[in-house]
Amino acid sequence: MMGLGWPELVIILFIVVIIFGAGKLPEIGGAVGRGIKEFRTATTDEMNQSENNDITTTGEARKDVS
């Protein structure tokens, strides 16, 4: 599997500048940043909820066994 190195990232950035223009880059960067933040928040919330469900289920199982 191939990874992205600096030369590839520079080429991608160059193409993005050509397509959208330099003036739009801050807006696009902000939108991407917000999307990543929302994704991380949703992932963290889901993991916390899953852990809470596991703890609750484990606690109920212990009550049933006792």
Protein backbone atom coordinates (compact mmCIF):
# COMPACT_ATOMS: atom_id res chain seq x y z
CA MET A 1 0.00 0.00 0.00
CA MET A 2 1.36 3.39 -0.90
CA GLY A 3 1.40 6.39 1.39
CA LEU A 4 1.25 10.08 0.69
CA GLY A 5 4.59 11.84 0.93
CA TRP A 6 5.47 15.51 0.70
CA PRO A 7 5.73 15.57 -3.09
CA GLU A 8 2.24 14.11 -3.48
CA LEU A 9 0.77 16.54 -0.93
CA VAL A 10 2.35 19.51 -2.71
CA ILE A 11 0.88 18.37 -6.03
CA ILE A 12 -2.57 17.94 -4.45
CA LEU A 13 -2.35 21.40 -2.83
CA PHE A 14 -1.30 22.91 -6.16
CA ILE A 15 -4.29 21.33 -7.92
CA VAL A 16 -6.67 22.54 -5.18
CA VAL A 17 -5.31 26.09 -5.52
CA ILE A 18 -5.85 25.96 -9.28
CA ILE A 19 -9.41 24.65 -8.94
CA PHE A 20 -10.70 26.79 -6.06
CA GLY A 21 -8.33 29.78 -6.03
CA ALA A 22 -6.23 31.03 -3.14
CA GLY A 23 -9.07 33.14 -1.73
CA LYS A 24 -11.28 30.11 -1.07
CA LEU A 25 -8.62 28.05 0.73
CA PRO A 26 -9.25 29.45 4.24
CA GLU A 27 -12.97 28.78 3.87
CA ILE A 28 -12.36 25.23 2.64
CA GLY A 29 -9.81 24.62 5.41
CA GLY A 30 -12.27 25.82 8.04
CA ALA A 31 -15.02 23.58 6.69
CA VAL A 32 -12.69 20.56 6.68
CA GLY A 33 -11.56 21.39 10.23
CA ARG A 34 -15.15 21.65 11.47
CA GLY A 35 -16.00 18.35 9.80
CA ILE A 36 -13.06 16.61 11.45
CA LYS A 37 -14.00 18.10 14.84
CA GLU A 38 -17.62 16.92 14.50
CA PHE A 39 -16.45 13.46 13.47
CA ARG A 40 -14.13 13.19 16.48
CA THR A 41 -16.87 14.40 18.83
CA ALA A 42 -19.38 11.90 17.45
CA THR A 43 -16.83 9.08 17.63
CA THR A 44 -15.90 9.93 21.23
CA ASP A 45 -19.57 10.17 22.24
CA GLU A 46 -20.31 6.82 20.64
CA MET A 47 -17.33 5.17 22.37
CA ASN A 48 -18.37 6.62 25.75
CA GLN A 49 -21.94 5.46 25.25
CA SER A 50 -20.72 2.00 24.27
CA GLU A 51 -18.49 1.81 27.37
CA ASN A 52 -21.39 2.90 29.60
CA ASN A 53 -23.61 0.23 28.07
CA ASP A 54 -20.92 -2.39 28.67
CA ILE A 55 -20.56 -1.34 32.31
CA THR A 56 -24.33 -1.37 32.82
CA THR A 57 -24.65 -4.77 31.18
CA THR A 58 -21.78 -6.17 33.22
CA GLY A 59 -23.28 -4.76 36.43
CA GLU A 60 -26.68 -6.31 35.64
CA ALA A 61 -25.04 -9.63 34.88
CA ARG A 62 -23.32 -9.58 38.28
CA LYS A 63 -26.64 -8.86 40.02
CA ASP A 64 -28.23 -11.85 38.27
CA VAL A 65 -25.39 -14.18 39.25
CA SER A 66 -25.39 -13.13 42.91
